[in-house]
Amino acid sequence: MKSPARFTLAILMTSAAAIAADAVSTTEIMLVGTFHMANPGRDLHNVKVDDMLLPRRQAEIEAVAEALARFKPTRVAVEWPADITNERYAKFLAGTLPESRNEVVQLGFRLASKQKLQQVDGLDVEGDFPFDDVAAWAKAHGRQAQIDRAMAEGEAEVNKLTALQETKTVGGVLRYLNEPSEIALNHSFYPPMLTMGSGSQQPGVKLVSAWHQRNLAICARLLQTVKSGDRVVVFYGQGHIYLLRQCLTEQPTVKLVDSLAYLPDSPAPMTQVSCDDVPAGQKRPDFGCFNIATVPRLKFSSREVYWHLRTYPTVAAANAVRGPGGVVVEEDGKVWLSQIGAKDEESLGGEPVAVLGPMKLPAAKSYTAVLSHAVMHPGDTSRIHTHAGPEAWYVIEGEQCLETPAGALRLKAGEGAAVESDIPMRLHVTGSTIRHAFALVIHDSTRPRGTSSQWNPPGTCAQ
C-alpha cells in the first residue's frame, strides 16, 4: 500500500505536469543572447560598442532581423519592463519613437515590426545584485585574490568581445555570444561565489540567490505570457541565457530552438555576383541573385516592350489573368505577376506595382525572358558584364546603383528602370538596408543571357 506522502507526491507531480502542459504545450522558444548596443554601463564589465546607427551596422542588424524572420515568430520578448515596452513599441510603430541604439529597439522592435506584430512582450523585472557585499567579505577574509581573478577573467572576455567588432558583423558577434561554450563561460562567474561566506554571513549565497531569483521571475513571466502554438524569439543580455535556458529546459512541453541555426555569420561583401540557376531539388541560398523563371521562344510584334508587375492575393488569382509569356511567382511574402507587353496593356486586375520600359529589343528571330530575384547586402557588387538584350529592375527593398559608361543610375525601394542591350555594367548595393529586387532580361535566344566584360568602371557609384 502506498504511503499517504507518496500518494500526495504523485498527485502533485501529475497536477504540475498538467498545469505545465496547459500553459506551454507545443511552444517553440528561441533565446538570443545579446550585448548592450547602447552601452549603458549597467554590468560589472561593459563592452565598448560601435555606433549602431552607422549605415554599415544598420545593414548588419537588418541582416540579423531578416535571418531571424525565417523562424516566423508569432511573439517577440525583450529585456524591458512590460509598461515601457508597450509605450515605446506603440511609438515605434507610429514612427514617433526617438532614434535609439538600444538592442530592444534595434533587434526586438525591428523583428516584431517585420513580422507585423502589434505587441512586443516586456519581461524584465528589477533585481538586486549585492556584489559589493561579496567583495567586502572577500577583502576582510583574505580572499581578495579570488575576486581579482574573477574580475580579470570578466574584463578579458569583454575586451575580446570589443575586439571582435573589428572583424565581425553584428550577426557574427551574436553568433559568438550564443555559442554554448560562451554562455557557460559567462555563467561560470556565479558558482564560485557560493564559497564567499561562513556561518551566518553568506554574501555569496545572497548574490547567487538574487541572480537566480531575477532570472526565474523573467522565465515565469515568459511562461505566463506564451500560449500553445506560439513561436517566440526572446532577446536578452547574454548573461541571462544560461539560467533562462535551464528554466525552459525543465518545462517538458517547451521546445527550445537553437539561435545558431538562424543567426547570420560574418560574410565578407559578395563581389562578382551573377544571377544563377538553382538546380532542381536544391534549396535556394538566402543571399545572392537567382533565376526564378525562364520563358523561351518569345516573339513580339514590336521591338519596344514594357514589363508589367502586379501583385495578387493568391496564385490562382494571378494565374487566372496571366497572358502568354507571363510568369507568376511568390517572393517577399507576395504573389507577383510578371507580364511583358505593350505600354497600355489592358488591365489585369490585382494591384499595379510598376510598368517599366521601354525595353528596346535587339533584332532577333526569337527571345528568351529570364526573371531573377536578388537578396543582397549593402556593399555587395555584381560582376562586370553585358546582356544580349535589355535588362530592367524593380527594387522591392533597399537601394542600388548601376554603373555604366553613361554614369550612375540610382534606384531605391519602389523604383525601377531599364537599360539597353550590350551595355557593360556593374551593380552596387548601396544604402544601409538589405536589397530585395527583381531583374528581367529579354535576350536574343541564340546568344547567352550574360557575358563577362573587360570594361573598367571608373567608380561613379562611389561618388
Protein backbone atom coordinates (compact mmCIF):
# COMPACT_ATOMS: atom_id res chain seq x y z
CA MET A 1 0.00 0.00 0.00
CA LYS A 2 1.30 3.46 -0.90
CA SER A 3 2.05 5.76 1.94
CA PRO A 4 -0.05 8.97 2.14
CA ALA A 5 3.09 11.03 1.50
CA ARG A 6 3.92 9.12 -1.68
CA PHE A 7 0.31 9.28 -2.86
CA THR A 8 0.20 13.03 -2.26
CA LEU A 9 3.52 13.48 -4.06
CA ALA A 10 2.22 11.56 -7.07
CA ILE A 11 -0.87 13.78 -7.25
CA LEU A 12 1.25 16.91 -7.00
CA MET A 13 3.61 15.72 -9.73
CA THR A 14 0.71 14.82 -12.03
CA SER A 15 -1.01 18.15 -11.38
CA ALA A 16 2.19 20.09 -12.01
CA ALA A 17 2.72 18.32 -15.31
CA ALA A 18 -0.87 19.03 -16.34
CA ILE A 19 -0.53 22.73 -15.43
CA ALA A 20 2.70 22.98 -17.41
CA ALA A 21 1.15 21.24 -20.42
CA ASP A 22 -1.86 23.57 -20.37
CA ALA A 23 0.36 26.66 -20.15
CA VAL A 24 3.08 26.00 -22.73
CA SER A 25 2.15 22.98 -24.86
CA THR A 26 3.99 22.95 -28.21
CA THR A 27 5.51 26.37 -27.64
CA GLU A 28 8.77 26.95 -29.54
CA ILE A 29 11.13 29.45 -27.92
CA MET A 30 14.40 30.82 -29.28
CA LEU A 31 16.72 32.59 -26.83
CA VAL A 32 19.05 35.15 -28.41
CA GLY A 33 21.77 36.39 -26.09
CA THR A 34 22.71 39.99 -26.87
CA PHE A 35 25.17 42.67 -25.85
CA HIS A 36 24.10 46.16 -24.79
CA MET A 37 24.19 48.08 -28.06
CA ALA A 38 23.68 51.41 -26.35
CA ASN A 39 26.41 50.55 -23.81
CA PRO A 40 24.55 51.85 -20.72
CA GLY A 41 27.29 50.66 -18.32
CA ARG A 42 24.94 48.60 -16.15
CA ASP A 43 27.12 45.49 -15.93
CA LEU A 44 30.27 44.70 -13.95
CA HIS A 45 32.13 44.74 -17.26
CA ASN A 46 30.91 46.73 -20.26
CA VAL A 47 31.73 46.25 -23.93
CA LYS A 48 32.89 49.25 -25.92
CA VAL A 49 30.34 49.30 -28.72
CA ASP A 50 30.42 50.80 -32.20
CA ASP A 51 27.71 53.30 -33.04
CA MET A 52 24.87 51.01 -34.05
CA LEU A 53 23.27 53.78 -36.11
CA LEU A 54 26.13 53.79 -38.61
CA PRO A 55 24.90 52.64 -42.05
CA ARG A 56 27.18 49.61 -42.00
CA ARG A 57 25.90 48.46 -38.61
CA GLN A 58 22.29 49.17 -39.59
CA ALA A 59 22.72 46.88 -42.59
CA GLU A 60 24.18 44.17 -40.36
CA ILE A 61 21.32 44.47 -37.87
CA GLU A 62 18.84 44.28 -40.73
CA ALA A 63 20.54 41.07 -41.84
CA VAL A 64 20.05 39.63 -38.34
CA ALA A 65 16.36 40.56 -38.40
CA GLU A 66 15.96 39.06 -41.87
CA ALA A 67 17.60 35.82 -40.76
CA LEU A 68 15.54 35.51 -37.57
CA ALA A 69 12.36 36.24 -39.52
CA ARG A 70 12.85 32.86 -41.23
CA PHE A 71 11.82 31.33 -37.89
CA LYS A 72 8.43 33.04 -38.45
CA PRO A 73 7.98 34.20 -34.85
CA THR A 74 4.48 34.95 -33.60
CA ARG A 75 5.82 36.73 -30.49
CA VAL A 76 8.91 38.73 -29.61
CA ALA A 77 10.02 39.27 -25.99
CA VAL A 78 12.64 41.72 -24.74
CA GLU A 79 14.66 42.94 -21.74
CA TRP A 80 12.44 45.87 -20.81
CA PRO A 81 9.56 46.06 -18.32
CA ALA A 82 6.14 45.48 -19.87
CA ASP A 83 4.81 49.03 -19.42
CA ILE A 84 7.84 50.68 -21.01
CA THR A 85 7.85 48.14 -23.83
CA ASN A 86 4.18 48.72 -24.63
CA GLU A 87 4.57 52.50 -24.64
CA ARG A 88 7.71 52.59 -26.77
CA TYR A 89 6.67 49.92 -29.27
CA ALA A 90 3.46 51.85 -29.96
CA LYS A 91 5.60 54.92 -30.69
CA PHE A 92 7.96 52.83 -32.82
CA LEU A 93 5.06 51.63 -34.97
CA ALA A 94 3.75 55.17 -35.23
CA GLY A 95 7.19 56.49 -36.23
CA THR A 96 7.41 58.80 -33.23
CA LEU A 97 9.97 56.95 -31.09
CA PRO A 98 13.20 58.96 -30.86
CA GLU A 99 16.24 57.43 -32.51
CA SER A 100 17.64 54.66 -30.30
CA ARG A 101 20.70 52.44 -30.32
CA ASN A 102 19.24 50.08 -27.70
CA GLU A 103 19.13 46.41 -28.68
CA VAL A 104 15.47 46.20 -27.70
CA VAL A 105 14.65 48.69 -30.47
CA GLN A 106 17.29 47.62 -32.96
CA LEU A 107 16.61 43.89 -32.69
CA GLY A 108 13.32 43.33 -30.86
CA PHE A 109 11.17 46.08 -32.31
CA ARG A 110 12.69 45.66 -35.77
CA LEU A 111 11.91 41.94 -35.89
CA ALA A 112 8.43 42.40 -34.43
CA SER A 113 7.50 45.08 -36.96
CA LYS A 114 8.93 42.96 -39.78
CA GLN A 115 6.54 40.20 -38.67
CA LYS A 116 3.70 42.76 -38.42
CA LEU A 117 3.23 42.05 -34.70
CA GLN A 118 1.12 44.58 -32.81
CA GLN A 119 2.72 43.81 -29.44
CA VAL A 120 6.15 43.08 -28.00
CA ASP A 121 6.34 41.34 -24.63
CA GLY A 122 8.44 43.10 -22.00
CA LEU A 123 9.68 40.54 -19.48
CA ASP A 124 12.20 42.36 -17.33
CA VAL A 125 11.97 42.66 -13.56
CA GLU A 126 14.11 44.60 -11.13
CA GLY A 127 16.56 42.57 -9.08
CA ASP A 128 19.28 43.12 -6.51
CA PHE A 129 22.90 42.38 -7.36
CA PRO A 130 24.69 42.63 -4.00
CA PHE A 131 28.21 42.10 -5.31
CA ASP A 132 29.71 44.82 -3.12
CA ASP A 133 28.91 42.71 -0.03
CA VAL A 134 30.76 39.76 -1.55
CA ALA A 135 33.78 41.90 -2.38
CA ALA A 136 33.84 43.38 1.12
CA TRP A 137 33.67 39.93 2.74
CA ALA A 138 36.43 38.60 0.47
CA LYS A 139 38.71 41.52 1.31
CA ALA A 140 38.12 41.07 5.04
CA HIS A 141 38.81 37.32 4.94
CA GLY A 142 41.91 37.12 2.72
CA ARG A 143 40.02 36.10 -0.45
CA GLN A 144 40.67 39.20 -2.50
CA ALA A 145 42.82 37.25 -4.99
CA GLN A 146 39.80 35.13 -5.97
CA ILE A 147 37.71 38.24 -6.61
CA ASP A 148 40.54 39.85 -8.57
CA ARG A 149 40.90 36.72 -10.70
CA ALA A 150 37.18 36.59 -11.45
CA MET A 151 37.13 40.28 -12.37
CA ALA A 152 40.21 39.90 -14.60
CA GLU A 153 38.60 36.99 -16.46
CA GLY A 154 35.47 39.05 -16.98
CA GLU A 155 37.46 42.02 -18.24
CA ALA A 156 39.42 39.81 -20.64
CA GLU A 157 36.19 38.44 -22.11
CA VAL A 158 34.78 41.94 -22.53
CA ASN A 159 37.98 43.08 -24.26
CA LYS A 160 37.74 40.11 -26.61
CA LEU A 161 34.15 40.99 -27.45
CA THR A 162 35.13 44.59 -28.07
CA ALA A 163 37.91 43.47 -30.43
CA LEU A 164 35.58 41.12 -32.31
CA GLN A 165 33.66 44.10 -33.60
CA GLU A 166 36.68 44.97 -35.73
CA THR A 167 36.40 41.76 -37.74
CA LYS A 168 32.78 40.59 -37.39
CA THR A 169 29.36 41.88 -38.27
CA VAL A 170 26.65 42.25 -35.63
CA GLY A 171 25.42 38.82 -36.68
CA GLY A 172 28.88 37.37 -36.21
CA VAL A 173 29.19 38.86 -32.73
CA LEU A 174 25.78 37.47 -31.77
CA ARG A 175 26.77 34.03 -33.04
CA TYR A 176 29.87 34.19 -30.84
CA LEU A 177 27.80 35.19 -27.79
CA ASN A 178 25.33 32.36 -28.34
CA GLU A 179 27.87 29.57 -28.62
CA PRO A 180 27.16 27.13 -25.74
CA SER A 181 30.75 27.43 -24.51
CA GLU A 182 30.49 31.22 -24.26
CA ILE A 183 27.14 31.04 -22.46
CA ALA A 184 28.64 28.59 -19.95
CA LEU A 185 31.75 30.75 -19.54
CA ASN A 186 29.66 33.80 -18.68
CA HIS A 187 27.68 31.84 -16.09
CA SER A 188 30.86 30.36 -14.55
CA PHE A 189 31.27 33.59 -12.55
CA TYR A 190 28.44 32.64 -10.18
CA PRO A 191 29.02 29.12 -8.74
CA PRO A 192 32.36 30.03 -7.05
CA MET A 193 30.64 32.93 -5.31
CA LEU A 194 28.92 30.37 -3.05
CA THR A 195 32.27 29.88 -1.31
CA MET A 196 32.24 33.51 -0.19
CA GLY A 197 30.86 33.38 3.32
CA SER A 198 30.83 31.48 6.58
CA GLY A 199 28.39 30.85 9.38
CA SER A 200 25.62 33.41 9.44
CA GLN A 201 27.43 35.67 6.97
CA GLN A 202 26.61 34.41 3.47
CA PRO A 203 27.06 37.24 0.97
CA GLY A 204 27.83 34.75 -1.82
CA VAL A 205 24.55 32.93 -1.24
CA LYS A 206 22.67 36.23 -1.32
CA LEU A 207 24.31 37.25 -4.60
CA VAL A 208 23.68 33.94 -6.36
CA SER A 209 20.16 33.70 -4.92
CA ALA A 210 19.31 37.21 -6.13
CA TRP A 211 20.60 36.41 -9.61
CA HIS A 212 18.64 33.16 -9.77
CA GLN A 213 15.52 34.84 -8.42
CA ARG A 214 15.58 37.54 -11.08
CA ASN A 215 16.03 35.04 -13.89
CA LEU A 216 13.32 32.76 -12.53
CA ALA A 217 10.97 35.74 -12.42
CA ILE A 218 11.83 36.55 -16.04
CA CYS A 219 11.26 32.94 -17.04
CA ALA A 220 7.95 32.85 -15.16
CA ARG A 221 6.70 35.95 -16.95
CA LEU A 222 7.61 34.37 -20.26
CA LEU A 223 5.81 31.13 -19.44
CA GLN A 224 2.77 33.03 -18.20
CA THR A 225 2.66 35.07 -21.42
CA VAL A 226 3.02 32.49 -24.16
CA LYS A 227 0.33 30.14 -25.37
CA SER A 228 0.18 26.86 -27.22
CA GLY A 229 1.47 27.11 -30.77
CA ASP A 230 3.49 30.30 -30.23
CA ARG A 231 6.87 30.71 -31.86
CA VAL A 232 8.80 33.13 -29.65
CA VAL A 233 12.09 34.97 -30.07
CA VAL A 234 13.47 36.27 -26.76
CA PHE A 235 16.20 38.92 -26.84
CA TYR A 236 18.08 39.14 -23.54
CA GLY A 237 21.55 40.02 -22.28
CA GLN A 238 23.82 37.02 -22.81
CA GLY A 239 24.47 36.71 -19.07
CA HIS A 240 20.85 35.66 -18.54
CA ILE A 241 20.75 32.94 -21.18
CA TYR A 242 22.26 30.10 -19.12
CA LEU A 243 19.60 30.27 -16.40
CA LEU A 244 16.75 31.07 -18.79
CA ARG A 245 17.70 28.05 -20.87
CA GLN A 246 17.84 25.90 -17.74
CA CYS A 247 14.42 27.11 -16.65
CA LEU A 248 12.84 26.46 -20.06
CA THR A 249 14.54 23.08 -20.43
CA GLU A 250 12.74 21.97 -17.28
CA GLN A 251 9.40 22.73 -18.94
CA PRO A 252 8.75 19.41 -20.73
CA THR A 253 6.49 20.82 -23.43
CA VAL A 254 8.62 23.82 -24.37
CA LYS A 255 10.77 23.23 -27.43
CA LEU A 256 13.97 25.29 -27.36
CA VAL A 257 15.14 26.41 -30.78
CA ASP A 258 18.86 27.00 -31.30
CA SER A 259 19.50 30.58 -32.38
CA LEU A 260 22.71 29.47 -34.11
CA ALA A 261 20.53 27.76 -36.73
CA TYR A 262 19.28 31.21 -37.77
CA LEU A 263 21.78 33.91 -36.80
CA PRO A 264 23.82 35.01 -39.83
CA ASP A 265 27.57 34.59 -39.84
CA SER A 266 30.05 37.30 -40.78
CA PRO A 267 30.37 37.05 -44.56
CA ALA A 268 32.58 39.44 -46.43
CA PRO A 269 30.74 41.53 -49.02
CA MET A 270 29.86 39.47 -52.09
CA THR A 271 31.62 40.53 -55.27
CA GLN A 272 31.35 39.14 -58.78
CA VAL A 273 27.71 38.24 -58.14
CA SER A 274 25.82 36.84 -61.12
CA CYS A 275 22.23 35.64 -61.31
CA ASP A 276 22.44 31.86 -61.26
CA ASP A 277 20.10 28.94 -61.78
CA VAL A 278 19.26 26.81 -58.74
CA PRO A 279 19.43 23.08 -59.54
CA ALA A 280 16.16 21.21 -59.06
CA GLY A 281 15.81 19.82 -55.55
CA GLN A 282 18.34 22.20 -54.03
CA LYS A 283 17.40 24.93 -51.54
CA ARG A 284 17.92 28.44 -52.84
CA PRO A 285 20.53 30.28 -50.75
CA ASP A 286 19.30 33.14 -48.58
CA PHE A 287 21.55 35.71 -50.26
CA GLY A 288 22.62 36.24 -53.85
CA CYS A 289 20.84 36.58 -57.18
CA PHE A 290 18.95 33.63 -58.64
CA ASN A 291 16.93 32.96 -61.78
CA ILE A 292 13.40 32.05 -60.78
CA ALA A 293 11.65 31.76 -64.16
CA THR A 294 12.65 31.37 -67.81
CA VAL A 295 10.31 31.79 -70.78
CA PRO A 296 11.85 30.76 -74.15
CA ARG A 297 10.80 31.26 -77.80
CA LEU A 298 9.05 34.58 -77.31
CA LYS A 299 8.04 36.69 -80.33
CA PHE A 300 6.84 40.28 -80.20
CA SER A 301 5.08 42.49 -82.75
CA SER A 302 7.17 45.48 -81.63
CA ARG A 303 10.85 45.89 -80.77
CA GLU A 304 9.82 48.08 -77.80
CA VAL A 305 8.07 46.24 -74.98
CA TYR A 306 7.15 47.01 -71.36
CA TRP A 307 7.43 44.97 -68.19
CA HIS A 308 4.25 44.98 -66.11
CA LEU A 309 4.47 43.96 -62.45
CA ARG A 310 1.33 43.41 -60.37
CA THR A 311 0.51 41.64 -57.10
CA TYR A 312 -2.46 39.40 -56.34
CA PRO A 313 -4.00 37.89 -53.21
CA THR A 314 -3.46 34.30 -54.40
CA VAL A 315 -1.52 32.33 -57.00
CA ALA A 316 -4.82 31.20 -58.52
CA ALA A 317 -5.96 34.79 -58.98
CA ALA A 318 -2.71 35.70 -60.74
CA ASN A 319 -2.75 32.62 -62.97
CA ALA A 320 -6.34 33.36 -63.98
CA VAL A 321 -5.23 36.54 -65.82
CA ARG A 322 -1.70 35.51 -66.83
CA GLY A 323 -1.12 36.01 -70.55
CA PRO A 324 1.36 34.39 -72.96
CA GLY A 325 4.88 34.74 -71.60
CA GLY A 326 3.59 35.77 -68.19
CA VAL A 327 5.14 34.39 -65.01
CA VAL A 328 3.59 34.03 -61.54
CA VAL A 329 5.99 33.85 -58.59
CA GLU A 330 5.83 34.10 -54.81
CA GLU A 331 8.56 36.29 -53.32
CA ASP A 332 8.88 38.50 -50.24
CA GLY A 333 5.52 37.41 -48.89
CA LYS A 334 3.55 38.39 -52.02
CA VAL A 335 2.20 36.81 -55.21
CA TRP A 336 3.57 38.60 -58.29
CA LEU A 337 2.59 38.50 -61.96
CA SER A 338 5.35 39.47 -64.40
CA GLN A 339 3.93 40.16 -67.84
CA ILE A 340 5.61 41.55 -70.98
CA GLY A 341 3.58 43.57 -73.47
CA ALA A 342 2.62 46.96 -74.77
CA LYS A 343 2.76 50.00 -72.52
CA ASP A 344 -1.03 50.30 -72.45
CA GLU A 345 -1.64 46.59 -71.78
CA GLU A 346 -5.24 46.05 -70.74
CA SER A 347 -5.91 45.87 -67.03
CA LEU A 348 -5.02 42.54 -65.50
CA GLY A 349 -6.65 43.17 -62.13
CA GLY A 350 -4.71 42.83 -58.94
CA GLU A 351 -2.62 45.68 -57.55
CA PRO A 352 -0.44 47.54 -60.07
CA VAL A 353 3.17 47.86 -58.91
CA ALA A 354 5.18 49.13 -61.87
CA VAL A 355 5.32 49.44 -65.66
CA LEU A 356 8.97 49.51 -66.70
CA GLY A 357 10.37 50.36 -70.10
CA PRO A 358 10.60 50.76 -72.89
CA MET A 359 12.80 47.68 -73.13
CA LYS A 360 14.36 48.04 -76.60
CA LEU A 361 14.90 44.62 -78.12
CA PRO A 362 17.78 43.78 -80.49
CA ALA A 363 16.93 42.25 -83.85
CA ALA A 364 16.37 38.53 -83.33
CA LYS A 365 14.14 35.72 -84.56
CA SER A 366 13.02 34.90 -81.01
CA TYR A 367 13.73 35.93 -77.44
CA THR A 368 14.14 34.35 -74.03
CA ALA A 369 12.94 36.18 -70.91
CA VAL A 370 14.68 35.42 -67.62
CA LEU A 371 13.21 36.69 -64.35
CA SER A 372 15.59 36.87 -61.39
CA HIS A 373 15.21 37.70 -57.71
CA ALA A 374 18.06 39.07 -55.60
CA VAL A 375 18.65 39.49 -51.88
CA MET A 376 21.96 41.24 -51.26
CA HIS A 377 23.70 43.22 -48.53
CA PRO A 378 24.92 46.79 -48.81
CA GLY A 379 28.43 46.67 -50.20
CA ASP A 380 27.73 43.66 -52.45
CA THR A 381 28.52 44.08 -56.15
CA SER A 382 27.81 42.20 -59.34
CA ARG A 383 30.41 41.04 -61.81
CA ILE A 384 31.18 43.41 -64.71
CA HIS A 385 29.03 42.10 -67.53
CA THR A 386 26.76 42.72 -70.51
CA HIS A 387 23.46 41.18 -71.63
CA ALA A 388 22.33 40.13 -75.10
CA GLY A 389 19.15 42.13 -74.60
CA PRO A 390 17.70 44.85 -72.40
CA GLU A 391 17.57 44.50 -68.62
CA ALA A 392 15.12 46.10 -66.19
CA TRP A 393 14.99 46.18 -62.41
CA TYR A 394 12.36 46.76 -59.78
CA VAL A 395 13.65 47.40 -56.24
CA ILE A 396 11.36 45.98 -53.56
CA GLU A 397 13.51 47.00 -50.58
CA GLY A 398 16.85 48.75 -50.21
CA GLU A 399 18.85 50.71 -52.77
CA GLN A 400 21.09 50.05 -55.75
CA CYS A 401 23.38 51.92 -58.11
CA LEU A 402 24.05 50.68 -61.64
CA GLU A 403 27.37 51.83 -63.05
CA THR A 404 27.64 52.02 -66.85
CA PRO A 405 29.79 54.07 -69.28
CA ALA A 406 26.94 56.60 -69.24
CA GLY A 407 27.27 57.16 -65.49
CA ALA A 408 25.42 56.04 -62.36
CA LEU A 409 21.76 55.01 -62.33
CA ARG A 410 20.45 55.01 -58.74
CA LEU A 411 17.24 53.33 -57.59
CA LYS A 412 15.58 52.94 -54.22
CA ALA A 413 12.63 50.89 -52.95
CA GLY A 414 9.58 51.28 -55.16
CA GLU A 415 11.58 52.42 -58.19
CA GLY A 416 12.58 50.70 -61.42
CA ALA A 417 14.45 51.35 -64.65
CA ALA A 418 15.67 49.66 -67.82
CA VAL A 419 18.86 49.79 -69.91
CA GLU A 420 19.53 48.70 -73.48
CA SER A 421 21.35 45.56 -74.61
CA ASP A 422 25.10 45.03 -74.78
CA ILE A 423 25.94 47.80 -72.31
CA PRO A 424 28.77 46.96 -69.86
CA MET A 425 27.63 47.38 -66.28
CA ARG A 426 28.29 46.67 -62.63
CA LEU A 427 25.58 46.82 -59.96
CA HIS A 428 26.33 48.05 -56.43
CA VAL A 429 24.04 47.56 -53.43
CA THR A 430 24.01 50.89 -51.65
CA GLY A 431 22.29 52.39 -48.61
CA SER A 432 22.01 50.71 -45.22
CA THR A 433 19.36 48.00 -45.72
CA ILE A 434 19.30 44.67 -47.49
CA ARG A 435 18.26 44.97 -51.11
CA HIS A 436 15.41 42.83 -52.41
CA ALA A 437 14.82 43.25 -56.14
CA PHE A 438 13.56 41.68 -59.34
CA ALA A 439 15.51 41.80 -62.58
CA LEU A 440 14.23 40.91 -66.04
CA VAL A 441 16.45 40.26 -69.06
CA ILE A 442 14.92 39.68 -72.52
CA HIS A 443 17.70 38.40 -74.74
CA ASP A 444 18.31 37.02 -78.19
CA SER A 445 17.60 33.30 -77.83
CA THR A 446 20.67 32.42 -79.91
CA ARG A 447 23.05 34.21 -77.53
CA PRO A 448 23.95 33.66 -73.86
CA ARG A 449 21.94 35.73 -71.40
CA GLY A 450 25.04 37.43 -69.98
CA THR A 451 28.77 37.53 -70.57
CA SER A 452 31.71 38.99 -68.68
CA SER A 453 33.06 42.35 -69.80
CA GLN A 454 36.59 43.79 -69.78
CA TRP A 455 35.25 47.31 -69.16
CA ASN A 456 36.95 49.10 -66.25
CA PRO A 457 34.33 51.03 -64.19
CA PRO A 458 35.57 54.44 -63.02
CA GLY A 459 33.73 54.21 -59.68
CA THR A 460 30.90 56.67 -60.32
CA CYS A 461 28.59 54.86 -57.87
CA ALA A 462 31.03 55.67 -55.07
CA GLN A 463 30.98 59.39 -55.83
